[in-house]
Amino acid sequence: MAYLYLALAIVAEVVATSSLKASEEFTRLWPSLLTVVGYVIAFYLLTLALRTLPVGIAYAIWAGLGIVLVTLIGILVYGERLDLPAALGLAMIIGGVAVIQVFSRVSAH
């Protein structure tokens, strides 16, 4: 269940962060509300995941996947571009999360 809570928390955080850009500095109502509600849901679900998962592992997965997913939304929705160093950095983040999941004994499998 902890990984389900963490996955849902990541989705809520990604929606909130993506909406933050659309809020245009909180001048647009609906994206601003989606940002606030998304972060509240994300942090609540993260607290549920932390009942079981170690905080360092949960946060590494949260941050790593959140960065990658928000970057993909930036590319697809906002037309942002990555250069080679940014793409390599994202690949390293994905690799780091994979190493934690596959090889770490402290993550709850």
PDB file of N, CA and C in Angstrom:
ATOM      1  N   MET A   1       0.823  -1.200   0.000  1.00  0.00           N
ATOM      2  CA  MET A   1       0.000   0.000   0.000  1.00  0.00           C
ATOM      3  C   MET A   1       0.861   1.257   0.000  1.00  0.00           C
ATOM      4  N   ALA A   2       2.022   1.186   0.646  1.00  0.00           N
ATOM      5  CA  ALA A   2       2.876   2.369   0.756  1.00  0.00           C
ATOM      6  C   ALA A   2       3.291   2.882  -0.611  1.00  0.00           C
ATOM      7  N   TYR A   3       3.609   1.962  -1.520  1.00  0.00           N
ATOM      8  CA  TYR A   3       4.029   2.403  -2.852  1.00  0.00           C
ATOM      9  C   TYR A   3       2.861   2.980  -3.644  1.00  0.00           C
ATOM     10  N   LEU A   4       1.657   2.497  -3.397  1.00  0.00           N
ATOM     11  CA  LEU A   4       0.488   3.086  -4.042  1.00  0.00           C
ATOM     12  C   LEU A   4       0.286   4.517  -3.547  1.00  0.00           C
ATOM     13  N   TYR A   5       0.374   4.719  -2.240  1.00  0.00           N
ATOM     14  CA  TYR A   5       0.272   6.074  -1.690  1.00  0.00           C
ATOM     15  C   TYR A   5       1.362   6.980  -2.267  1.00  0.00           C
ATOM     16  N   LEU A   6       2.573   6.453  -2.353  1.00  0.00           N
ATOM     17  CA  LEU A   6       3.675   7.247  -2.882  1.00  0.00           C
ATOM     18  C   LEU A   6       3.442   7.587  -4.347  1.00  0.00           C
ATOM     19  N   ALA A   7       2.982   6.630  -5.128  1.00  0.00           N
ATOM     20  CA  ALA A   7       2.705   6.889  -6.547  1.00  0.00           C
ATOM     21  C   ALA A   7       1.624   7.955  -6.716  1.00  0.00           C
ATOM     22  N   LEU A   8       0.568   7.845  -5.927  1.00  0.00           N
ATOM     23  CA  LEU A   8      -0.505   8.844  -6.007  1.00  0.00           C
ATOM     24  C   LEU A   8      -0.021  10.213  -5.529  1.00  0.00           C
ATOM     25  N   ALA A   9       0.839  10.223  -4.529  1.00  0.00           N
ATOM     26  CA  ALA A   9       1.413  11.481  -4.053  1.00  0.00           C
ATOM     27  C   ALA A   9       2.246  12.134  -5.145  1.00  0.00           C
ATOM     28  N   ILE A  10       3.011  11.332  -5.864  1.00  0.00           N
ATOM     29  CA  ILE A  10       3.833  11.863  -6.953  1.00  0.00           C
ATOM     30  C   ILE A  10       2.948  12.433  -8.052  1.00  0.00           C
ATOM     31  N   VAL A  11       1.891  11.727  -8.401  1.00  0.00           N
ATOM     32  CA  VAL A  11       0.973  12.230  -9.431  1.00  0.00           C
ATOM     33  C   VAL A  11       0.360  13.556  -8.992  1.00  0.00           C
ATOM     34  N   ALA A  12      -0.096  13.637  -7.743  1.00  0.00           N
ATOM     35  CA  ALA A  12      -0.699  14.879  -7.241  1.00  0.00           C
ATOM     36  C   ALA A  12       0.322  16.011  -7.248  1.00  0.00           C
ATOM     37  N   GLU A  13       1.568  15.715  -6.873  1.00  0.00           N
ATOM     38  CA  GLU A  13       2.615  16.743  -6.863  1.00  0.00           C
ATOM     39  C   GLU A  13       2.936  17.207  -8.278  1.00  0.00           C
ATOM     40  N   VAL A  14       2.967  16.290  -9.220  1.00  0.00           N
ATOM     41  CA  VAL A  14       3.255  16.644 -10.618  1.00  0.00           C
ATOM     42  C   VAL A  14       2.135  17.516 -11.178  1.00  0.00           C
ATOM     43  N   VAL A  15       0.897  17.174 -10.885  1.00  0.00           N
ATOM     44  CA  VAL A  15      -0.239  17.998 -11.321  1.00  0.00           C
ATOM     45  C   VAL A  15      -0.138  19.388 -10.690  1.00  0.00           C
ATOM     46  N   ALA A  16       0.170  19.437  -9.399  1.00  0.00           N
ATOM     47  CA  ALA A  16       0.267  20.726  -8.699  1.00  0.00           C
ATOM     48  C   ALA A  16       1.395  21.578  -9.276  1.00  0.00           C
ATOM     49  N   THR A  17       2.544  20.982  -9.501  1.00  0.00           N
ATOM     50  CA  THR A  17       3.681  21.736 -10.026  1.00  0.00           C
ATOM     51  C   THR A  17       3.413  22.211 -11.445  1.00  0.00           C
ATOM     52  N   SER A  18       2.807  21.372 -12.254  1.00  0.00           N
ATOM     53  CA  SER A  18       2.468  21.773 -13.621  1.00  0.00           C
ATOM     54  C   SER A  18       1.433  22.893 -13.616  1.00  0.00           C
ATOM     55  N   SER A  19       0.500  22.824 -12.688  1.00  0.00           N
ATOM     56  CA  SER A  19      -0.511  23.873 -12.568  1.00  0.00           C
ATOM     57  C   SER A  19       0.091  25.169 -12.053  1.00  0.00           C
ATOM     58  N   LEU A  20       1.148  25.057 -11.286  1.00  0.00           N
ATOM     59  CA  LEU A  20       1.819  26.251 -10.764  1.00  0.00           C
ATOM     60  C   LEU A  20       2.286  27.149 -11.902  1.00  0.00           C
ATOM     61  N   LYS A  21       2.841  26.560 -12.937  1.00  0.00           N
ATOM     62  CA  LYS A  21       3.256  27.350 -14.094  1.00  0.00           C
ATOM     63  C   LYS A  21       2.036  27.980 -14.770  1.00  0.00           C
ATOM     64  N   ALA A  22       0.971  27.195 -14.891  1.00  0.00           N
ATOM     65  CA  ALA A  22      -0.249  27.695 -15.539  1.00  0.00           C
ATOM     66  C   ALA A  22      -0.955  28.760 -14.712  1.00  0.00           C
ATOM     67  N   SER A  23      -0.687  28.819 -13.411  1.00  0.00           N
ATOM     68  CA  SER A  23      -1.347  29.799 -12.550  1.00  0.00           C
ATOM     69  C   SER A  23      -0.876  31.225 -12.824  1.00  0.00           C
ATOM     70  N   GLU A  24       0.255  31.332 -13.527  1.00  0.00           N
ATOM     71  CA  GLU A  24       0.830  32.644 -13.855  1.00  0.00           C
ATOM     72  C   GLU A  24       0.937  33.515 -12.602  1.00  0.00           C
ATOM     73  N   GLU A  25       1.740  33.012 -11.663  1.00  0.00           N
ATOM     74  CA  GLU A  25       2.001  33.707 -10.393  1.00  0.00           C
ATOM     75  C   GLU A  25       0.728  33.899  -9.574  1.00  0.00           C
ATOM     76  N   PHE A  26      -0.113  32.884  -9.573  1.00  0.00           N
ATOM     77  CA  PHE A  26      -1.379  32.866  -8.833  1.00  0.00           C
ATOM     78  C   PHE A  26      -2.352  33.962  -9.271  1.00  0.00           C
ATOM     79  N   THR A  27      -2.290  34.339 -10.537  1.00  0.00           N
ATOM     80  CA  THR A  27      -3.233  35.327 -11.070  1.00  0.00           C
ATOM     81  C   THR A  27      -4.411  34.667 -11.785  1.00  0.00           C
ATOM     82  N   ARG A  28      -4.342  33.358 -12.018  1.00  0.00           N
ATOM     83  CA  ARG A  28      -5.434  32.618 -12.648  1.00  0.00           C
ATOM     84  C   ARG A  28      -6.038  31.674 -11.606  1.00  0.00           C
ATOM     85  N   LEU A  29      -7.342  31.781 -11.403  1.00  0.00           N
ATOM     86  CA  LEU A  29      -8.014  31.093 -10.302  1.00  0.00           C
ATOM     87  C   LEU A  29      -7.882  29.575 -10.355  1.00  0.00           C
ATOM     88  N   TRP A  30      -8.325  28.933 -11.434  1.00  0.00           N
ATOM     89  CA  TRP A  30      -8.408  27.472 -11.457  1.00  0.00           C
ATOM     90  C   TRP A  30      -7.043  26.799 -11.389  1.00  0.00           C
ATOM     91  N   PRO A  31      -6.070  27.248 -12.152  1.00  0.00           N
ATOM     92  CA  PRO A  31      -4.744  26.632 -11.971  1.00  0.00           C
ATOM     93  C   PRO A  31      -4.175  26.879 -10.569  1.00  0.00           C
ATOM     94  N   SER A  32      -4.483  28.030  -9.982  1.00  0.00           N
ATOM     95  CA  SER A  32      -4.005  28.321  -8.628  1.00  0.00           C
ATOM     96  C   SER A  32      -4.642  27.377  -7.613  1.00  0.00           C
ATOM     97  N   LEU A  33      -5.945  27.152  -7.731  1.00  0.00           N
ATOM     98  CA  LEU A  33      -6.631  26.213  -6.832  1.00  0.00           C
ATOM     99  C   LEU A  33      -6.117  24.787  -7.012  1.00  0.00           C
ATOM    100  N   LEU A  34      -5.901  24.400  -8.263  1.00  0.00           N
ATOM    101  CA  LEU A  34      -5.377  23.067  -8.540  1.00  0.00           C
ATOM    102  C   LEU A  34      -3.984  22.896  -7.933  1.00  0.00           C
ATOM    103  N   THR A  35      -3.197  23.946  -7.957  1.00  0.00           N
ATOM    104  CA  THR A  35      -1.869  23.905  -7.344  1.00  0.00           C
ATOM    105  C   THR A  35      -1.969  23.660  -5.843  1.00  0.00           C
ATOM    106  N   VAL A  36      -2.777  24.442  -5.173  1.00  0.00           N
ATOM    107  CA  VAL A  36      -2.895  24.327  -3.711  1.00  0.00           C
ATOM    108  C   VAL A  36      -3.488  22.973  -3.325  1.00  0.00           C
ATOM    109  N   VAL A  37      -4.569  22.587  -3.958  1.00  0.00           N
ATOM    110  CA  VAL A  37      -5.226  21.313  -3.638  1.00  0.00           C
ATOM    111  C   VAL A  37      -4.294  20.141  -3.959  1.00  0.00           C
ATOM    112  N   GLY A  38      -3.605  20.226  -5.078  1.00  0.00           N
ATOM    113  CA  GLY A  38      -2.682  19.158  -5.464  1.00  0.00           C
ATOM    114  C   GLY A  38      -1.572  18.964  -4.453  1.00  0.00           C
ATOM    115  N   TYR A  39      -1.006  20.067  -3.959  1.00  0.00           N
ATOM    116  CA  TYR A  39       0.054  19.942  -2.955  1.00  0.00           C
ATOM    117  C   TYR A  39      -0.471  19.397  -1.627  1.00  0.00           C
ATOM    118  N   VAL A  40      -1.661  19.805  -1.231  1.00  0.00           N
ATOM    119  CA  VAL A  40      -2.238  19.281   0.013  1.00  0.00           C
ATOM    120  C   VAL A  40      -2.439  17.767  -0.103  1.00  0.00           C
ATOM    121  N   ILE A  41      -3.008  17.333  -1.206  1.00  0.00           N
ATOM    122  CA  ILE A  41      -3.221  15.900  -1.422  1.00  0.00           C
ATOM    123  C   ILE A  41      -1.878  15.171  -1.471  1.00  0.00           C
ATOM    124  N   ALA A  42      -0.919  15.743  -2.186  1.00  0.00           N
ATOM    125  CA  ALA A  42       0.389  15.103  -2.324  1.00  0.00           C
ATOM    126  C   ALA A  42       1.063  14.902  -0.974  1.00  0.00           C
ATOM    127  N   PHE A  43       1.070  15.935  -0.152  1.00  0.00           N
ATOM    128  CA  PHE A  43       1.742  15.804   1.137  1.00  0.00           C
ATOM    129  C   PHE A  43       0.990  14.872   2.086  1.00  0.00           C
ATOM    130  N   TYR A  44      -0.329  14.868   2.009  1.00  0.00           N
ATOM    131  CA  TYR A  44      -1.084  13.932   2.838  1.00  0.00           C
ATOM    132  C   TYR A  44      -0.756  12.485   2.441  1.00  0.00           C
ATOM    133  N   LEU A  45      -0.783  12.205   1.134  1.00  0.00           N
ATOM    134  CA  LEU A  45      -0.477  10.855   0.673  1.00  0.00           C
ATOM    135  C   LEU A  45       0.962  10.468   0.999  1.00  0.00           C
ATOM    136  N   LEU A  46       1.876  11.427   0.945  1.00  0.00           N
ATOM    137  CA  LEU A  46       3.258  11.146   1.315  1.00  0.00           C
ATOM    138  C   LEU A  46       3.342  10.736   2.785  1.00  0.00           C
ATOM    139  N   THR A  47       2.574  11.396   3.644  1.00  0.00           N
ATOM    140  CA  THR A  47       2.596  11.002   5.061  1.00  0.00           C
ATOM    141  C   THR A  47       2.103   9.573   5.245  1.00  0.00           C
ATOM    142  N   LEU A  48       1.133   9.158   4.440  1.00  0.00           N
ATOM    143  CA  LEU A  48       0.656   7.779   4.520  1.00  0.00           C
ATOM    144  C   LEU A  48       1.736   6.799   4.065  1.00  0.00           C
ATOM    145  N   ALA A  49       2.449   7.154   3.009  1.00  0.00           N
ATOM    146  CA  ALA A  49       3.537   6.294   2.522  1.00  0.00           C
ATOM    147  C   ALA A  49       4.655   6.184   3.553  1.00  0.00           C
ATOM    148  N   LEU A  50       4.888   7.261   4.295  1.00  0.00           N
ATOM    149  CA  LEU A  50       5.970   7.270   5.277  1.00  0.00           C
ATOM    150  C   LEU A  50       5.681   6.432   6.512  1.00  0.00           C
ATOM    151  N   ARG A  51       4.469   5.927   6.624  1.00  0.00           N
ATOM    152  CA  ARG A  51       4.174   4.994   7.718  1.00  0.00           C
ATOM    153  C   ARG A  51       5.041   3.741   7.586  1.00  0.00           C
ATOM    154  N   THR A  52       5.345   3.371   6.354  1.00  0.00           N
ATOM    155  CA  THR A  52       6.071   2.137   6.074  1.00  0.00           C
ATOM    156  C   THR A  52       7.448   2.375   5.467  1.00  0.00           C
ATOM    157  N   LEU A  53       7.527   3.307   4.537  1.00  0.00           N
ATOM    158  CA  LEU A  53       8.779   3.535   3.809  1.00  0.00           C
ATOM    159  C   LEU A  53       9.727   4.424   4.597  1.00  0.00           C
ATOM    160  N   PRO A  54      11.026   4.171   4.504  1.00  0.00           N
ATOM    161  CA  PRO A  54      11.998   5.087   5.110  1.00  0.00           C
ATOM    162  C   PRO A  54      11.917   6.445   4.408  1.00  0.00           C
ATOM    163  N   VAL A  55      12.038   7.512   5.159  1.00  0.00           N
ATOM    164  CA  VAL A  55      11.849   8.851   4.617  1.00  0.00           C
ATOM    165  C   VAL A  55      12.845   9.152   3.494  1.00  0.00           C
ATOM    166  N   GLY A  56      14.092   8.737   3.643  1.00  0.00           N
ATOM    167  CA  GLY A  56      15.092   9.010   2.613  1.00  0.00           C
ATOM    168  C   GLY A  56      14.782   8.320   1.301  1.00  0.00           C
ATOM    169  N   ILE A  57      14.331   7.076   1.383  1.00  0.00           N
ATOM    170  CA  ILE A  57      13.985   6.320   0.177  1.00  0.00           C
ATOM    171  C   ILE A  57      12.739   6.907  -0.472  1.00  0.00           C
ATOM    172  N   ALA A  58      11.717   7.169   0.330  1.00  0.00           N
ATOM    173  CA  ALA A  58      10.479   7.742  -0.210  1.00  0.00           C
ATOM    174  C   ALA A  58      10.750   9.079  -0.879  1.00  0.00           C
ATOM    175  N   TYR A  59      11.572   9.904  -0.234  1.00  0.00           N
ATOM    176  CA  TYR A  59      11.834  11.218  -0.801  1.00  0.00           C
ATOM    177  C   TYR A  59      12.685  11.129  -2.057  1.00  0.00           C
ATOM    178  N   ALA A  60      13.611  10.192  -2.110  1.00  0.00           N
ATOM    179  CA  ALA A  60      14.413  10.019  -3.325  1.00  0.00           C
ATOM    180  C   ALA A  60      13.530   9.624  -4.505  1.00  0.00           C
ATOM    181  N   ILE A  61      12.605   8.710  -4.263  1.00  0.00           N
ATOM    182  CA  ILE A  61      11.689   8.291  -5.330  1.00  0.00           C
ATOM    183  C   ILE A  61      10.762   9.440  -5.711  1.00  0.00           C
ATOM    184  N   TRP A  62      10.203  10.110  -4.706  1.00  0.00           N
ATOM    185  CA  TRP A  62       9.306  11.251  -4.918  1.00  0.00           C
ATOM    186  C   TRP A  62       9.993  12.320  -5.771  1.00  0.00           C
ATOM    187  N   ALA A  63      11.169  12.725  -5.349  1.00  0.00           N
ATOM    188  CA  ALA A  63      11.873  13.807  -6.034  1.00  0.00           C
ATOM    189  C   ALA A  63      12.314  13.378  -7.429  1.00  0.00           C
ATOM    190  N   GLY A  64      12.889  12.191  -7.525  1.00  0.00           N
ATOM    191  CA  GLY A  64      13.400  11.736  -8.818  1.00  0.00           C
ATOM    192  C   GLY A  64      12.311  11.592  -9.860  1.00  0.00           C
ATOM    193  N   LEU A  65      11.259  10.878  -9.516  1.00  0.00           N
ATOM    194  CA  LEU A  65      10.173  10.693 -10.485  1.00  0.00           C
ATOM    195  C   LEU A  65       9.429  11.995 -10.736  1.00  0.00           C
ATOM    196  N   GLY A  66       9.282  12.800  -9.706  1.00  0.00           N
ATOM    197  CA  GLY A  66       8.628  14.101  -9.890  1.00  0.00           C
ATOM    198  C   GLY A  66       9.384  14.978 -10.877  1.00  0.00           C
ATOM    199  N   ILE A  67      10.700  15.020 -10.753  1.00  0.00           N
ATOM    200  CA  ILE A  67      11.521  15.821 -11.672  1.00  0.00           C
ATOM    201  C   ILE A  67      11.347  15.335 -13.105  1.00  0.00           C
ATOM    202  N   VAL A  68      11.428  14.039 -13.297  1.00  0.00           N
ATOM    203  CA  VAL A  68      11.314  13.483 -14.646  1.00  0.00           C
ATOM    204  C   VAL A  68       9.927  13.743 -15.223  1.00  0.00           C
ATOM    205  N   LEU A  69       8.881  13.493 -14.442  1.00  0.00           N
ATOM    206  CA  LEU A  69       7.519  13.681 -14.955  1.00  0.00           C
ATOM    207  C   LEU A  69       7.199  15.146 -15.231  1.00  0.00           C
ATOM    208  N   VAL A  70       7.629  16.040 -14.354  1.00  0.00           N
ATOM    209  CA  VAL A  70       7.388  17.467 -14.595  1.00  0.00           C
ATOM    210  C   VAL A  70       8.163  17.928 -15.839  1.00  0.00           C
ATOM    211  N   THR A  71       9.350  17.399 -16.032  1.00  0.00           N
ATOM    212  CA  THR A  71      10.118  17.732 -17.234  1.00  0.00           C
ATOM    213  C   THR A  71       9.378  17.274 -18.482  1.00  0.00           C
ATOM    214  N   LEU A  72       8.824  16.053 -18.454  1.00  0.00           N
ATOM    215  CA  LEU A  72       8.067  15.563 -19.606  1.00  0.00           C
ATOM    216  C   LEU A  72       6.837  16.432 -19.878  1.00  0.00           C
ATOM    217  N   ILE A  73       6.155  16.854 -18.830  1.00  0.00           N
ATOM    218  CA  ILE A  73       5.001  17.739 -19.013  1.00  0.00           C
ATOM    219  C   ILE A  73       5.461  19.077 -19.581  1.00  0.00           C
ATOM    220  N   GLY A  74       6.578  19.582 -19.100  1.00  0.00           N
ATOM    221  CA  GLY A  74       7.123  20.828 -19.647  1.00  0.00           C
ATOM    222  C   GLY A  74       7.380  20.715 -21.139  1.00  0.00           C
ATOM    223  N   ILE A  75       7.901  19.578 -21.555  1.00  0.00           N
ATOM    224  CA  ILE A  75       8.175  19.360 -22.976  1.00  0.00           C
ATOM    225  C   ILE A  75       6.876  19.244 -23.760  1.00  0.00           C
ATOM    226  N   LEU A  76       5.954  18.400 -23.270  1.00  0.00           N
ATOM    227  CA  LEU A  76       4.727  18.109 -24.019  1.00  0.00           C
ATOM    228  C   LEU A  76       3.694  19.228 -23.975  1.00  0.00           C
ATOM    229  N   VAL A  77       3.538  19.861 -22.832  1.00  0.00           N
ATOM    230  CA  VAL A  77       2.468  20.851 -22.667  1.00  0.00           C
ATOM    231  C   VAL A  77       2.962  22.275 -22.923  1.00  0.00           C
ATOM    232  N   TYR A  78       4.147  22.583 -22.416  1.00  0.00           N
ATOM    233  CA  TYR A  78       4.633  23.958 -22.486  1.00  0.00           C
ATOM    234  C   TYR A  78       5.673  24.186 -23.575  1.00  0.00           C
ATOM    235  N   GLY A  79       5.997  23.148 -24.333  1.00  0.00           N
ATOM    236  CA  GLY A  79       6.933  23.294 -25.435  1.00  0.00           C
ATOM    237  C   GLY A  79       8.368  23.594 -25.015  1.00  0.00           C
ATOM    238  N   GLU A  80       8.724  23.209 -23.792  1.00  0.00           N
ATOM    239  CA  GLU A  80      10.088  23.442 -23.318  1.00  0.00           C
ATOM    240  C   GLU A  80      11.029  22.430 -23.963  1.00  0.00           C
ATOM    241  N   ARG A  81      12.316  22.776 -24.016  1.00  0.00           N
ATOM    242  CA  ARG A  81      13.301  21.913 -24.652  1.00  0.00           C
ATOM    243  C   ARG A  81      14.401  21.550 -23.666  1.00  0.00           C
ATOM    244  N   LEU A  82      15.002  20.400 -23.896  1.00  0.00           N
ATOM    245  CA  LEU A  82      16.145  19.973 -23.100  1.00  0.00           C
ATOM    246  C   LEU A  82      17.398  19.998 -23.961  1.00  0.00           C
ATOM    247  N   ASP A  83      18.508  20.372 -23.357  1.00  0.00           N
ATOM    248  CA  ASP A  83      19.777  20.211 -24.046  1.00  0.00           C
ATOM    249  C   ASP A  83      20.393  18.889 -23.589  1.00  0.00           C
ATOM    250  N   LEU A  84      21.534  18.537 -24.151  1.00  0.00           N
ATOM    251  CA  LEU A  84      22.146  17.255 -23.849  1.00  0.00           C
ATOM    252  C   LEU A  84      22.498  17.094 -22.368  1.00  0.00           C
ATOM    253  N   PRO A  85      23.107  18.088 -21.723  1.00  0.00           N
ATOM    254  CA  PRO A  85      23.394  17.906 -20.291  1.00  0.00           C
ATOM    255  C   PRO A  85      22.136  17.677 -19.444  1.00  0.00           C
ATOM    256  N   ALA A  86      21.046  18.358 -19.775  1.00  0.00           N
ATOM    257  CA  ALA A  86      19.798  18.153 -19.025  1.00  0.00           C
ATOM    258  C   ALA A  86      19.271  16.739 -19.242  1.00  0.00           C
ATOM    259  N   ALA A  87      19.308  16.252 -20.464  1.00  0.00           N
ATOM    260  CA  ALA A  87      18.842  14.897 -20.758  1.00  0.00           C
ATOM    261  C   ALA A  87      19.707  13.857 -20.041  1.00  0.00           C
ATOM    262  N   LEU A  88      21.014  14.069 -20.029  1.00  0.00           N
ATOM    263  CA  LEU A  88      21.908  13.153 -19.319  1.00  0.00           C
ATOM    264  C   LEU A  88      21.631  13.169 -17.815  1.00  0.00           C
ATOM    265  N   GLY A  89      21.401  14.344 -17.261  1.00  0.00           N
ATOM    266  CA  GLY A  89      21.083  14.456 -15.843  1.00  0.00           C
ATOM    267  C   GLY A  89      19.802  13.723 -15.501  1.00  0.00           C
ATOM    268  N   LEU A  90      18.786  13.867 -16.346  1.00  0.00           N
ATOM    269  CA  LEU A  90      17.524  13.154 -16.107  1.00  0.00           C
ATOM    270  C   LEU A  90      17.720  11.644 -16.196  1.00  0.00           C
ATOM    271  N   ALA A  91      18.548  11.204 -17.121  1.00  0.00           N
ATOM    272  CA  ALA A  91      18.837   9.769 -17.232  1.00  0.00           C
ATOM    273  C   ALA A  91      19.520   9.272 -15.960  1.00  0.00           C
ATOM    274  N   MET A  92      20.404  10.083 -15.389  1.00  0.00           N
ATOM    275  CA  MET A  92      21.070   9.691 -14.152  1.00  0.00           C
ATOM    276  C   MET A  92      20.076   9.628 -12.986  1.00  0.00           C
ATOM    277  N   ILE A  93      19.117  10.545 -12.960  1.00  0.00           N
ATOM    278  CA  ILE A  93      18.085  10.508 -11.914  1.00  0.00           C
ATOM    279  C   ILE A  93      17.272   9.221 -12.022  1.00  0.00           C
ATOM    280  N   ILE A  94      16.855   8.887 -13.230  1.00  0.00           N
ATOM    281  CA  ILE A  94      16.089   7.656 -13.446  1.00  0.00           C
ATOM    282  C   ILE A  94      16.927   6.450 -13.018  1.00  0.00           C
ATOM    283  N   GLY A  95      18.194   6.458 -13.371  1.00  0.00           N
ATOM    284  CA  GLY A  95      19.081   5.371 -12.973  1.00  0.00           C
ATOM    285  C   GLY A  95      19.215   5.268 -11.467  1.00  0.00           C
ATOM    286  N   GLY A  96      19.300   6.395 -10.790  1.00  0.00           N
ATOM    287  CA  GLY A  96      19.405   6.390  -9.338  1.00  0.00           C
ATOM    288  C   GLY A  96      18.176   5.803  -8.672  1.00  0.00           C
ATOM    289  N   VAL A  97      17.006   6.174  -9.148  1.00  0.00           N
ATOM    290  CA  VAL A  97      15.770   5.617  -8.598  1.00  0.00           C
ATOM    291  C   VAL A  97      15.714   4.112  -8.861  1.00  0.00           C
ATOM    292  N   ALA A  98      16.140   3.696 -10.053  1.00  0.00           N
ATOM    293  CA  ALA A  98      16.143   2.267 -10.376  1.00  0.00           C
ATOM    294  C   ALA A  98      17.101   1.505  -9.469  1.00  0.00           C
ATOM    295  N   VAL A  99      18.275   2.049  -9.209  1.00  0.00           N
ATOM    296  CA  VAL A  99      19.239   1.388  -8.326  1.00  0.00           C
ATOM    297  C   VAL A  99      18.652   1.219  -6.929  1.00  0.00           C
ATOM    298  N   ILE A 100      17.993   2.257  -6.427  1.00  0.00           N
ATOM    299  CA  ILE A 100      17.371   2.164  -5.106  1.00  0.00           C
ATOM    300  C   ILE A 100      16.338   1.039  -5.083  1.00  0.00           C
ATOM    301  N   GLN A 101      15.495   0.991  -6.092  1.00  0.00           N
ATOM    302  CA  GLN A 101      14.416   0.006  -6.111  1.00  0.00           C
ATOM    303  C   GLN A 101      14.923  -1.415  -6.294  1.00  0.00           C
ATOM    304  N   VAL A 102      15.942  -1.587  -7.102  1.00  0.00           N
ATOM    305  CA  VAL A 102      16.401  -2.931  -7.418  1.00  0.00           C
ATOM    306  C   VAL A 102      17.395  -3.473  -6.384  1.00  0.00           C
ATOM    307  N   PHE A 103      18.286  -2.610  -5.908  1.00  0.00           N
ATOM    308  CA  PHE A 103      19.388  -3.114  -5.090  1.00  0.00           C
ATOM    309  C   PHE A 103      19.351  -2.738  -3.614  1.00  0.00           C
ATOM    310  N   SER A 104      18.598  -1.738  -3.235  1.00  0.00           N
ATOM    311  CA  SER A 104      18.631  -1.279  -1.849  1.00  0.00           C
ATOM    312  C   SER A 104      17.876  -2.232  -0.938  1.00  0.00           C
ATOM    313  N   ARG A 105      18.459  -2.522   0.196  1.00  0.00           N
ATOM    314  CA  ARG A 105      17.791  -3.378   1.173  1.00  0.00           C
ATOM    315  C   ARG A 105      16.907  -2.579   2.113  1.00  0.00           C
ATOM    316  N   VAL A 106      17.033  -1.244   2.099  1.00  0.00           N
ATOM    317  CA  VAL A 106      16.208  -0.440   3.002  1.00  0.00           C
ATOM    318  C   VAL A 106      14.868  -0.065   2.395  1.00  0.00           C
ATOM    319  N   SER A 107      14.721  -0.190   1.064  1.00  0.00           N
ATOM    320  CA  SER A 107      13.417   0.106   0.484  1.00  0.00           C
ATOM    321  C   SER A 107      12.491  -1.085   0.724  1.00  0.00           C
ATOM    322  N   ALA A 108      11.246  -0.771   0.979  1.00  0.00           N
ATOM    323  CA  ALA A 108      10.264  -1.823   1.262  1.00  0.00           C
ATOM    324  C   ALA A 108       9.764  -2.404  -0.051  1.00  0.00           C
ATOM    325  N   HIS A 109      10.218  -3.589  -0.400  1.00  0.00           N
ATOM    326  CA  HIS A 109       9.827  -4.223  -1.667  1.00  0.00           C
ATOM    327  C   HIS A 109       8.552  -5.002  -1.495  1.00  0.00           C
TER     328      HIS A 109
END
